Amino acid sequence: MTSLAVTGHMDLTKNSVPLIRAGLDELLKPYACAGLTGVSCMARGADSIFAESVLAAGGRLVVVVPSQDYRRTTVPDDHAETFDRLLAAAAELRVMPAPTANLKAYEAANTMLLKLAERLVAVWDGRVGEGGGTADVVDQAQASNIPIDIVWPAGAARLTPTPPASPSSRTVKEW
């Protein structure tokens, strides 16, 4: 049995979604027969695309919800149907104890993701974040010696401009 957690960008362009889905499907193929478990917070974008890929591969989905009010206050209307559908398909739900969705709640949820996983899948453009996001989860996984697979196919892009990538000593496998 293999457990993979996901972190990734929420602000993917529409054209990036099928590219990332194909990259995730390819990454998950070797794990499909090995009792795949995918762990996701199911935010819009990478988290939900990963959850769909896990289910399509016949895997088991574990959802970590960052706070008690997350669905009500944080899930946008245009993502609610996807969130609810994937939540209904989850084999396990872990709702974190934070009453309110905030940076601390997200950080605690990300820590839980890493505790539940043997590997981290990062749908990540490699750029430094502003704190509490994908780059920080990658750093946390690396500090914990958790192997990291990066999925950022050619042509993938974000809606939000990001600062330029900085040199890094990360050792990761890219897909």
Foldseek 3Di string as FASTA:
>chain_A
DFEEEEFEDQFWDPVQLVLLLVLLLVVCQVCLVVQYEYEAQCAHDPRLSNLVSCVVSVHAYEHEHLAPCCLPPPHDPVCNVSSVVSVVRHPYYHYDHHHDDDLVSLVVSLVVSLVVHQAYEYQDPQADDDPSHRVVSLVVCVVVVRAYEYEHDPPIDGPDDGDDHDDDPDDHHYD
